[in-house]
Amino acid sequence: MNVITTEQLLQKIDAGETVSVIDVRESNEVATGIIPGAKHIALGQIEISMDQIDKSVPHYIVCKAGARSAMACEILEENGFTVTNVAGGMLDWEGEVQF
């Protein structure tokens, strides 16, 4: 499984790279702030929501601390997606958030 830190992801965003971020936290957690442009698909919905995820681009998967995003990465990798786990999750995120 590929892993990136929140700092490395923020550097990519700040450099203007087009990145696809999927936030797998629950709705009440996302209400506290989400990375701008991120798509919200709760971990429990990943398997039934795969048709909403573009297989042709790599995705960065984030949760609160990194455990649920790692589980989501495993599920998505097994189904042919290119994914990277964002270690540290939103607890370590120092970039912008939207509400």
PDB file of N, CA and C in Angstrom:
ATOM      1  N   MET A   1       0.843  -1.185   0.000  1.00  0.00           N
ATOM      2  CA  MET A   1       0.000   0.000   0.000  1.00  0.00           C
ATOM      3  C   MET A   1       0.889   1.249   0.000  1.00  0.00           C
ATOM      4  N   ASN A   2       0.574   2.173  -0.882  1.00  0.00           N
ATOM      5  CA  ASN A   2       1.284   3.448  -0.913  1.00  0.00           C
ATOM      6  C   ASN A   2       0.829   4.307   0.256  1.00  0.00           C
ATOM      7  N   VAL A   3       1.771   5.066   0.820  1.00  0.00           N
ATOM      8  CA  VAL A   3       1.461   5.935   1.954  1.00  0.00           C
ATOM      9  C   VAL A   3       2.100   7.303   1.712  1.00  0.00           C
ATOM     10  N   ILE A   4       1.389   8.357   2.105  1.00  0.00           N
ATOM     11  CA  ILE A   4       1.883   9.726   1.998  1.00  0.00           C
ATOM     12  C   ILE A   4       1.538  10.431   3.300  1.00  0.00           C
ATOM     13  N   THR A   5       2.341  11.405   3.691  1.00  0.00           N
ATOM     14  CA  THR A   5       2.011  12.187   4.882  1.00  0.00           C
ATOM     15  C   THR A   5       1.065  13.319   4.495  1.00  0.00           C
ATOM     16  N   THR A   6       0.425  13.895   5.487  1.00  0.00           N
ATOM     17  CA  THR A   6      -0.451  15.037   5.216  1.00  0.00           C
ATOM     18  C   THR A   6       0.367  16.199   4.664  1.00  0.00           C
ATOM     19  N   GLU A   7       1.586  16.348   5.146  1.00  0.00           N
ATOM     20  CA  GLU A   7       2.460  17.426   4.670  1.00  0.00           C
ATOM     21  C   GLU A   7       2.785  17.243   3.182  1.00  0.00           C
ATOM     22  N   GLN A   8       3.077  16.001   2.778  1.00  0.00           N
ATOM     23  CA  GLN A   8       3.373  15.733   1.366  1.00  0.00           C
ATOM     24  C   GLN A   8       2.152  15.985   0.488  1.00  0.00           C
ATOM     25  N   LEU A   9       0.969  15.604   0.966  1.00  0.00           N
ATOM     26  CA  LEU A   9      -0.252  15.851   0.202  1.00  0.00           C
ATOM     27  C   LEU A   9      -0.498  17.351   0.074  1.00  0.00           C
ATOM     28  N   LEU A  10      -0.306  18.081   1.151  1.00  0.00           N
ATOM     29  CA  LEU A  10      -0.493  19.531   1.120  1.00  0.00           C
ATOM     30  C   LEU A  10       0.477  20.182   0.132  1.00  0.00           C
ATOM     31  N   GLN A  11       1.712  19.687   0.077  1.00  0.00           N
ATOM     32  CA  GLN A  11       2.693  20.219  -0.877  1.00  0.00           C
ATOM     33  C   GLN A  11       2.219  20.014  -2.311  1.00  0.00           C
ATOM     34  N   LYS A  12       1.642  18.849  -2.599  1.00  0.00           N
ATOM     35  CA  LYS A  12       1.116  18.582  -3.943  1.00  0.00           C
ATOM     36  C   LYS A  12      -0.010  19.563  -4.286  1.00  0.00           C
ATOM     37  N   ILE A  13      -0.910  19.766  -3.335  1.00  0.00           N
ATOM     38  CA  ILE A  13      -2.038  20.673  -3.551  1.00  0.00           C
ATOM     39  C   ILE A  13      -1.531  22.106  -3.738  1.00  0.00           C
ATOM     40  N   ASP A  14      -0.611  22.527  -2.863  1.00  0.00           N
ATOM     41  CA  ASP A  14      -0.066  23.887  -2.945  1.00  0.00           C
ATOM     42  C   ASP A  14       0.706  24.118  -4.238  1.00  0.00           C
ATOM     43  N   ALA A  15       1.282  23.041  -4.800  1.00  0.00           N
ATOM     44  CA  ALA A  15       2.033  23.146  -6.053  1.00  0.00           C
ATOM     45  C   ALA A  15       1.103  23.180  -7.266  1.00  0.00           C
ATOM     46  N   GLY A  16      -0.200  23.052  -7.007  1.00  0.00           N
ATOM     47  CA  GLY A  16      -1.166  23.122  -8.097  1.00  0.00           C
ATOM     48  C   GLY A  16      -1.438  21.801  -8.787  1.00  0.00           C
ATOM     49  N   GLU A  17      -0.917  20.706  -8.219  1.00  0.00           N
ATOM     50  CA  GLU A  17      -1.186  19.392  -8.802  1.00  0.00           C
ATOM     51  C   GLU A  17      -2.671  19.067  -8.657  1.00  0.00           C
ATOM     52  N   THR A  18      -3.218  18.426  -9.668  1.00  0.00           N
ATOM     53  CA  THR A  18      -4.599  17.970  -9.582  1.00  0.00           C
ATOM     54  C   THR A  18      -4.588  16.655  -8.815  1.00  0.00           C
ATOM     55  N   VAL A  19      -5.234  16.636  -7.667  1.00  0.00           N
ATOM     56  CA  VAL A  19      -5.279  15.423  -6.854  1.00  0.00           C
ATOM     57  C   VAL A  19      -6.726  15.061  -6.560  1.00  0.00           C
ATOM     58  N   SER A  20      -6.980  13.775  -6.462  1.00  0.00           N
ATOM     59  CA  SER A  20      -8.298  13.282  -6.081  1.00  0.00           C
ATOM     60  C   SER A  20      -8.203  12.762  -4.652  1.00  0.00           C
ATOM     61  N   VAL A  21      -8.922  13.416  -3.754  1.00  0.00           N
ATOM     62  CA  VAL A  21      -8.925  13.024  -2.344  1.00  0.00           C
ATOM     63  C   VAL A  21     -10.300  12.467  -2.002  1.00  0.00           C
ATOM     64  N   ILE A  22     -10.304  11.309  -1.351  1.00  0.00           N
ATOM     65  CA  ILE A  22     -11.553  10.711  -0.873  1.00  0.00           C
ATOM     66  C   ILE A  22     -11.479  10.628   0.648  1.00  0.00           C
ATOM     67  N   ASP A  23     -12.455  11.228   1.312  1.00  0.00           N
ATOM     68  CA  ASP A  23     -12.536  11.248   2.772  1.00  0.00           C
ATOM     69  C   ASP A  23     -13.510  10.153   3.198  1.00  0.00           C
ATOM     70  N   VAL A  24     -13.027   9.184   3.977  1.00  0.00           N
ATOM     71  CA  VAL A  24     -13.854   8.033   4.347  1.00  0.00           C
ATOM     72  C   VAL A  24     -14.416   8.130   5.771  1.00  0.00           C
ATOM     73  N   ARG A  25     -14.363   9.320   6.360  1.00  0.00           N
ATOM     74  CA  ARG A  25     -14.939   9.500   7.696  1.00  0.00           C
ATOM     75  C   ARG A  25     -16.464   9.514   7.617  1.00  0.00           C
ATOM     76  N   GLU A  26     -17.094   9.449   8.773  1.00  0.00           N
ATOM     77  CA  GLU A  26     -18.549   9.524   8.858  1.00  0.00           C
ATOM     78  C   GLU A  26     -18.994  10.973   8.647  1.00  0.00           C
ATOM     79  N   SER A  27     -20.251  11.153   8.302  1.00  0.00           N
ATOM     80  CA  SER A  27     -20.791  12.488   7.999  1.00  0.00           C
ATOM     81  C   SER A  27     -20.596  13.485   9.134  1.00  0.00           C
ATOM     82  N   ASN A  28     -20.802  13.041  10.376  1.00  0.00           N
ATOM     83  CA  ASN A  28     -20.640  13.961  11.506  1.00  0.00           C
ATOM     84  C   ASN A  28     -19.193  14.421  11.656  1.00  0.00           C
ATOM     85  N   GLU A  29     -18.235  13.588  11.252  1.00  0.00           N
ATOM     86  CA  GLU A  29     -16.827  13.979  11.301  1.00  0.00           C
ATOM     87  C   GLU A  29     -16.502  14.957  10.175  1.00  0.00           C
ATOM     88  N   VAL A  30     -17.038  14.687   8.998  1.00  0.00           N
ATOM     89  CA  VAL A  30     -16.805  15.554   7.842  1.00  0.00           C
ATOM     90  C   VAL A  30     -17.367  16.951   8.107  1.00  0.00           C
ATOM     91  N   ALA A  31     -18.422  17.035   8.905  1.00  0.00           N
ATOM     92  CA  ALA A  31     -19.025  18.330   9.237  1.00  0.00           C
ATOM     93  C   ALA A  31     -18.049  19.239   9.983  1.00  0.00           C
ATOM     94  N   THR A  32     -17.005  18.662  10.574  1.00  0.00           N
ATOM     95  CA  THR A  32     -16.001  19.465  11.288  1.00  0.00           C
ATOM     96  C   THR A  32     -14.947  20.016  10.338  1.00  0.00           C
ATOM     97  N   GLY A  33     -15.029  19.667   9.066  1.00  0.00           N
ATOM     98  CA  GLY A  33     -14.107  20.179   8.057  1.00  0.00           C
ATOM     99  C   GLY A  33     -13.586  19.077   7.161  1.00  0.00           C
ATOM    100  N   ILE A  34     -13.508  19.384   5.866  1.00  0.00           N
ATOM    101  CA  ILE A  34     -13.038  18.437   4.861  1.00  0.00           C
ATOM    102  C   ILE A  34     -12.033  19.162   3.970  1.00  0.00           C
ATOM    103  N   ILE A  35     -11.076  18.443   3.435  1.00  0.00           N
ATOM    104  CA  ILE A  35     -10.108  19.035   2.513  1.00  0.00           C
ATOM    105  C   ILE A  35     -10.878  19.557   1.297  1.00  0.00           C
ATOM    106  N   PRO A  36     -10.666  20.819   0.921  1.00  0.00           N
ATOM    107  CA  PRO A  36     -11.398  21.379  -0.227  1.00  0.00           C
ATOM    108  C   PRO A  36     -11.260  20.505  -1.477  1.00  0.00           C
ATOM    109  N   GLY A  37     -12.400  20.207  -2.080  1.00  0.00           N
ATOM    110  CA  GLY A  37     -12.412  19.394  -3.291  1.00  0.00           C
ATOM    111  C   GLY A  37     -12.476  17.899  -3.053  1.00  0.00           C
ATOM    112  N   ALA A  38     -12.338  17.482  -1.787  1.00  0.00           N
ATOM    113  CA  ALA A  38     -12.385  16.048  -1.481  1.00  0.00           C
ATOM    114  C   ALA A  38     -13.799  15.519  -1.664  1.00  0.00           C
ATOM    115  N   LYS A  39     -13.860  14.251  -2.050  1.00  0.00           N
ATOM    116  CA  LYS A  39     -15.148  13.560  -2.187  1.00  0.00           C
ATOM    117  C   LYS A  39     -15.380  12.791  -0.885  1.00  0.00           C
ATOM    118  N   HIS A  40     -16.589  12.864  -0.338  1.00  0.00           N
ATOM    119  CA  HIS A  40     -16.902  12.133   0.889  1.00  0.00           C
ATOM    120  C   HIS A  40     -17.618  10.831   0.556  1.00  0.00           C
ATOM    121  N   ILE A  41     -16.981   9.720   0.908  1.00  0.00           N
ATOM    122  CA  ILE A  41     -17.618   8.402   0.832  1.00  0.00           C
ATOM    123  C   ILE A  41     -17.217   7.672   2.114  1.00  0.00           C
ATOM    124  N   ALA A  42     -18.139   7.520   3.041  1.00  0.00           N
ATOM    125  CA  ALA A  42     -17.837   6.861   4.315  1.00  0.00           C
ATOM    126  C   ALA A  42     -17.323   5.443   4.068  1.00  0.00           C
ATOM    127  N   LEU A  43     -16.427   4.991   4.930  1.00  0.00           N
ATOM    128  CA  LEU A  43     -15.828   3.667   4.780  1.00  0.00           C
ATOM    129  C   LEU A  43     -16.881   2.588   4.561  1.00  0.00           C
ATOM    130  N   GLY A  44     -17.963   2.631   5.311  1.00  0.00           N
ATOM    131  CA  GLY A  44     -19.016   1.624   5.187  1.00  0.00           C
ATOM    132  C   GLY A  44     -19.737   1.645   3.850  1.00  0.00           C
ATOM    133  N   GLN A  45     -19.543   2.708   3.081  1.00  0.00           N
ATOM    134  CA  GLN A  45     -20.200   2.848   1.779  1.00  0.00           C
ATOM    135  C   GLN A  45     -19.247   2.612   0.602  1.00  0.00           C
ATOM    136  N   ILE A  46     -17.974   2.400   0.892  1.00  0.00           N
ATOM    137  CA  ILE A  46     -16.971   2.281  -0.184  1.00  0.00           C
ATOM    138  C   ILE A  46     -17.339   1.196  -1.190  1.00  0.00           C
ATOM    139  N   GLU A  47     -17.654   0.002  -0.698  1.00  0.00           N
ATOM    140  CA  GLU A  47     -17.900  -1.112  -1.622  1.00  0.00           C
ATOM    141  C   GLU A  47     -19.100  -0.879  -2.527  1.00  0.00           C
ATOM    142  N   ILE A  48     -20.134  -0.213  -2.015  1.00  0.00           N
ATOM    143  CA  ILE A  48     -21.320   0.009  -2.848  1.00  0.00           C
ATOM    144  C   ILE A  48     -21.239   1.315  -3.635  1.00  0.00           C
ATOM    145  N   SER A  49     -20.157   2.071  -3.431  1.00  0.00           N
ATOM    146  CA  SER A  49     -20.007   3.362  -4.110  1.00  0.00           C
ATOM    147  C   SER A  49     -18.870   3.380  -5.125  1.00  0.00           C
ATOM    148  N   MET A  50     -18.313   2.217  -5.415  1.00  0.00           N
ATOM    149  CA  MET A  50     -17.159   2.176  -6.318  1.00  0.00           C
ATOM    150  C   MET A  50     -17.457   2.725  -7.704  1.00  0.00           C
ATOM    151  N   ASP A  51     -18.720   2.668  -8.114  1.00  0.00           N
ATOM    152  CA  ASP A  51     -19.074   3.189  -9.435  1.00  0.00           C
ATOM    153  C   ASP A  51     -18.971   4.713  -9.487  1.00  0.00           C
ATOM    154  N   GLN A  52     -18.828   5.358  -8.333  1.00  0.00           N
ATOM    155  CA  GLN A  52     -18.676   6.815  -8.268  1.00  0.00           C
ATOM    156  C   GLN A  52     -17.204   7.234  -8.263  1.00  0.00           C
ATOM    157  N   ILE A  53     -16.301   6.253  -8.303  1.00  0.00           N
ATOM    158  CA  ILE A  53     -14.867   6.533  -8.214  1.00  0.00           C
ATOM    159  C   ILE A  53     -14.212   6.219  -9.556  1.00  0.00           C
ATOM    160  N   ASP A  54     -13.469   7.169 -10.075  1.00  0.00           N
ATOM    161  CA  ASP A  54     -12.800   7.038 -11.368  1.00  0.00           C
ATOM    162  C   ASP A  54     -11.570   6.137 -11.233  1.00  0.00           C
ATOM    163  N   LYS A  55     -11.564   5.013 -11.942  1.00  0.00           N
ATOM    164  CA  LYS A  55     -10.431   4.086 -11.880  1.00  0.00           C
ATOM    165  C   LYS A  55      -9.216   4.591 -12.652  1.00  0.00           C
ATOM    166  N   SER A  56      -9.409   5.594 -13.502  1.00  0.00           N
ATOM    167  CA  SER A  56      -8.312   6.030 -14.371  1.00  0.00           C
ATOM    168  C   SER A  56      -7.359   7.024 -13.702  1.00  0.00           C
ATOM    169  N   VAL A  57      -7.685   7.474 -12.491  1.00  0.00           N
ATOM    170  CA  VAL A  57      -6.805   8.417 -11.789  1.00  0.00           C
ATOM    171  C   VAL A  57      -6.455   7.881 -10.402  1.00  0.00           C
ATOM    172  N   PRO A  58      -5.285   8.259  -9.886  1.00  0.00           N
ATOM    173  CA  PRO A  58      -4.929   7.847  -8.523  1.00  0.00           C
ATOM    174  C   PRO A  58      -5.700   8.673  -7.495  1.00  0.00           C
ATOM    175  N   HIS A  59      -5.969   8.060  -6.360  1.00  0.00           N
ATOM    176  CA  HIS A  59      -6.736   8.722  -5.303  1.00  0.00           C
ATOM    177  C   HIS A  59      -5.954   8.693  -3.992  1.00  0.00           C
ATOM    178  N   TYR A  60      -6.093   9.761  -3.217  1.00  0.00           N
ATOM    179  CA  TYR A  60      -5.522   9.855  -1.879  1.00  0.00           C
ATOM    180  C   TYR A  60      -6.675   9.672  -0.900  1.00  0.00           C
ATOM    181  N   ILE A  61      -6.535   8.695  -0.002  1.00  0.00           N
ATOM    182  CA  ILE A  61      -7.627   8.333   0.902  1.00  0.00           C
ATOM    183  C   ILE A  61      -7.297   8.834   2.306  1.00  0.00           C
ATOM    184  N   VAL A  62      -8.237   9.586   2.894  1.00  0.00           N
ATOM    185  CA  VAL A  62      -8.008  10.198   4.200  1.00  0.00           C
ATOM    186  C   VAL A  62      -9.157   9.870   5.156  1.00  0.00           C
ATOM    187  N   CYS A  63      -8.822   9.772   6.438  1.00  0.00           N
ATOM    188  CA  CYS A  63      -9.829   9.622   7.494  1.00  0.00           C
ATOM    189  C   CYS A  63      -9.381  10.495   8.663  1.00  0.00           C
ATOM    190  N   LYS A  64      -9.755  10.152   9.863  1.00  0.00           N
ATOM    191  CA  LYS A  64      -9.373  10.969  11.019  1.00  0.00           C
ATOM    192  C   LYS A  64      -7.887  10.825  11.343  1.00  0.00           C
ATOM    193  N   ALA A  65      -7.386   9.569  11.376  1.00  0.00           N
ATOM    194  CA  ALA A  65      -5.997   9.347  11.778  1.00  0.00           C
ATOM    195  C   ALA A  65      -5.203   8.441  10.837  1.00  0.00           C
ATOM    196  N   GLY A  66      -5.877   7.680   9.991  1.00  0.00           N
ATOM    197  CA  GLY A  66      -5.167   6.828   9.041  1.00  0.00           C
ATOM    198  C   GLY A  66      -5.561   5.366   9.043  1.00  0.00           C
ATOM    199  N   ALA A  67      -6.280   4.909  10.069  1.00  0.00           N
ATOM    200  CA  ALA A  67      -6.640   3.487  10.140  1.00  0.00           C
ATOM    201  C   ALA A  67      -7.769   3.129   9.173  1.00  0.00           C
ATOM    202  N   ARG A  68      -8.843   3.905   9.193  1.00  0.00           N
ATOM    203  CA  ARG A  68      -9.961   3.610   8.282  1.00  0.00           C
ATOM    204  C   ARG A  68      -9.561   3.826   6.830  1.00  0.00           C
ATOM    205  N   SER A  69      -8.732   4.830   6.588  1.00  0.00           N
ATOM    206  CA  SER A  69      -8.294   5.064   5.209  1.00  0.00           C
ATOM    207  C   SER A  69      -7.434   3.902   4.725  1.00  0.00           C
ATOM    208  N   ALA A  70      -6.664   3.287   5.617  1.00  0.00           N
ATOM    209  CA  ALA A  70      -5.874   2.111   5.238  1.00  0.00           C
ATOM    210  C   ALA A  70      -6.801   0.958   4.854  1.00  0.00           C
ATOM    211  N   MET A  71      -7.891   0.783   5.608  1.00  0.00           N
ATOM    212  CA  MET A  71      -8.862  -0.268   5.269  1.00  0.00           C
ATOM    213  C   MET A  71      -9.506   0.021   3.918  1.00  0.00           C
ATOM    214  N   ALA A  72      -9.864   1.281   3.693  1.00  0.00           N
ATOM    215  CA  ALA A  72     -10.465   1.664   2.411  1.00  0.00           C
ATOM    216  C   ALA A  72      -9.482   1.424   1.271  1.00  0.00           C
ATOM    217  N   CYS A  73      -8.210   1.728   1.500  1.00  0.00           N
ATOM    218  CA  CYS A  73      -7.182   1.498   0.476  1.00  0.00           C
ATOM    219  C   CYS A  73      -7.109   0.020   0.105  1.00  0.00           C
ATOM    220  N   GLU A  74      -7.149  -0.849   1.105  1.00  0.00           N
ATOM    221  CA  GLU A  74      -7.103  -2.292   0.836  1.00  0.00           C
ATOM    222  C   GLU A  74      -8.276  -2.714  -0.040  1.00  0.00           C
ATOM    223  N   ILE A  75      -9.470  -2.255   0.304  1.00  0.00           N
ATOM    224  CA  ILE A  75     -10.674  -2.608  -0.462  1.00  0.00           C
ATOM    225  C   ILE A  75     -10.556  -2.099  -1.893  1.00  0.00           C
ATOM    226  N   LEU A  76     -10.159  -0.850  -2.037  1.00  0.00           N
ATOM    227  CA  LEU A  76     -10.070  -0.251  -3.370  1.00  0.00           C
ATOM    228  C   LEU A  76      -8.962  -0.888  -4.208  1.00  0.00           C
ATOM    229  N   GLU A  77      -7.802  -1.153  -3.590  1.00  0.00           N
ATOM    230  CA  GLU A  77      -6.708  -1.813  -4.320  1.00  0.00           C
ATOM    231  C   GLU A  77      -7.140  -3.181  -4.835  1.00  0.00           C
ATOM    232  N   GLU A  78      -7.859  -3.931  -4.001  1.00  0.00           N
ATOM    233  CA  GLU A  78      -8.338  -5.261  -4.405  1.00  0.00           C
ATOM    234  C   GLU A  78      -9.282  -5.182  -5.597  1.00  0.00           C
ATOM    235  N   ASN A  79      -9.856  -4.008  -5.817  1.00  0.00           N
ATOM    236  CA  ASN A  79     -10.803  -3.820  -6.910  1.00  0.00           C
ATOM    237  C   ASN A  79     -10.222  -3.002  -8.058  1.00  0.00           C
ATOM    238  N   GLY A  80      -8.897  -2.917  -8.105  1.00  0.00           N
ATOM    239  CA  GLY A  80      -8.228  -2.324  -9.255  1.00  0.00           C
ATOM    240  C   GLY A  80      -8.007  -0.826  -9.236  1.00  0.00           C
ATOM    241  N   PHE A  81      -8.219  -0.173  -8.097  1.00  0.00           N
ATOM    242  CA  PHE A  81      -7.995   1.269  -8.002  1.00  0.00           C
ATOM    243  C   PHE A  81      -6.556   1.553  -7.585  1.00  0.00           C
ATOM    244  N   THR A  82      -6.028   2.684  -8.006  1.00  0.00           N
ATOM    245  CA  THR A  82      -4.709   3.148  -7.584  1.00  0.00           C
ATOM    246  C   THR A  82      -4.935   4.141  -6.450  1.00  0.00           C
ATOM    247  N   VAL A  83      -4.495   3.766  -5.251  1.00  0.00           N
ATOM    248  CA  VAL A  83      -4.780   4.575  -4.069  1.00  0.00           C
ATOM    249  C   VAL A  83      -3.543   4.748  -3.192  1.00  0.00           C
ATOM    250  N   THR A  84      -3.555   5.818  -2.413  1.00  0.00           N
ATOM    251  CA  THR A  84      -2.494   6.109  -1.453  1.00  0.00           C
ATOM    252  C   THR A  84      -3.147   6.501  -0.138  1.00  0.00           C
ATOM    253  N   ASN A  85      -2.699   5.882   0.947  1.00  0.00           N
ATOM    254  CA  ASN A  85      -3.221   6.200   2.270  1.00  0.00           C
ATOM    255  C   ASN A  85      -2.556   7.471   2.789  1.00  0.00           C
ATOM    256  N   VAL A  86      -3.353   8.386   3.320  1.00  0.00           N
ATOM    257  CA  VAL A  86      -2.831   9.617   3.908  1.00  0.00           C
ATOM    258  C   VAL A  86      -2.622   9.365   5.402  1.00  0.00           C
ATOM    259  N   ALA A  87      -1.365   9.093   5.778  1.00  0.00           N
ATOM    260  CA  ALA A  87      -1.027   8.786   7.167  1.00  0.00           C
ATOM    261  C   ALA A  87      -1.232  10.013   8.047  1.00  0.00           C
ATOM    262  N   GLY A  88      -1.787   9.794   9.221  1.00  0.00           N
ATOM    263  CA  GLY A  88      -2.026  10.889  10.157  1.00  0.00           C
ATOM    264  C   GLY A  88      -3.396  11.517  10.009  1.00  0.00           C
ATOM    265  N   GLY A  89      -3.973  11.380   8.818  1.00  0.00           N
ATOM    266  CA  GLY A  89      -5.332  11.847   8.570  1.00  0.00           C
ATOM    267  C   GLY A  89      -5.588  13.300   8.924  1.00  0.00           C
ATOM    268  N   MET A  90      -6.846  13.591   9.168  1.00  0.00           N
ATOM    269  CA  MET A  90      -7.260  14.967   9.444  1.00  0.00           C
ATOM    270  C   MET A  90      -6.710  15.488  10.772  1.00  0.00           C
ATOM    271  N   LEU A  91      -6.324  14.586  11.667  1.00  0.00           N
ATOM    272  CA  LEU A  91      -5.702  15.039  12.914  1.00  0.00           C
ATOM    273  C   LEU A  91      -4.398  15.772  12.636  1.00  0.00           C
ATOM    274  N   ASP A  92      -3.676  15.358  11.588  1.00  0.00           N
ATOM    275  CA  ASP A  92      -2.399  15.979  11.235  1.00  0.00           C
ATOM    276  C   ASP A  92      -2.524  17.033  10.138  1.00  0.00           C
ATOM    277  N   TRP A  93      -3.695  17.160   9.528  1.00  0.00           N
ATOM    278  CA  TRP A  93      -3.877  18.070   8.392  1.00  0.00           C
ATOM    279  C   TRP A  93      -3.731  19.523   8.844  1.00  0.00           C
ATOM    280  N   GLU A  94      -2.835  20.264   8.192  1.00  0.00           N
ATOM    281  CA  GLU A  94      -2.622  21.672   8.536  1.00  0.00           C
ATOM    282  C   GLU A  94      -3.045  22.610   7.412  1.00  0.00           C
ATOM    283  N   GLY A  95      -3.630  22.044   6.370  1.00  0.00           N
ATOM    284  CA  GLY A  95      -4.084  22.861   5.248  1.00  0.00           C
ATOM    285  C   GLY A  95      -5.494  23.380   5.469  1.00  0.00           C
ATOM    286  N   GLU A  96      -6.017  23.986   4.413  1.00  0.00           N
ATOM    287  CA  GLU A  96      -7.378  24.527   4.442  1.00  0.00           C
ATOM    288  C   GLU A  96      -8.400  23.416   4.629  1.00  0.00           C
ATOM    289  N   VAL A  97      -9.518  23.771   5.224  1.00  0.00           N
ATOM    290  CA  VAL A  97     -10.669  22.868   5.270  1.00  0.00           C
ATOM    291  C   VAL A  97     -11.899  23.670   4.876  1.00  0.00           C
ATOM    292  N   GLN A  98     -12.879  22.963   4.355  1.00  0.00           N
ATOM    293  CA  GLN A  98     -14.157  23.614   4.067  1.00  0.00           C
ATOM    294  C   GLN A  98     -15.231  22.917   4.879  1.00  0.00           C
ATOM    295  N   PHE A  99     -16.307  23.632   5.120  1.00  0.00           N
ATOM    296  CA  PHE A  99     -17.386  23.111   5.965  1.00  0.00           C
ATOM    297  C   PHE A  99     -18.663  22.970   5.176  1.00  0.00           C
TER     298      PHE A  99
END
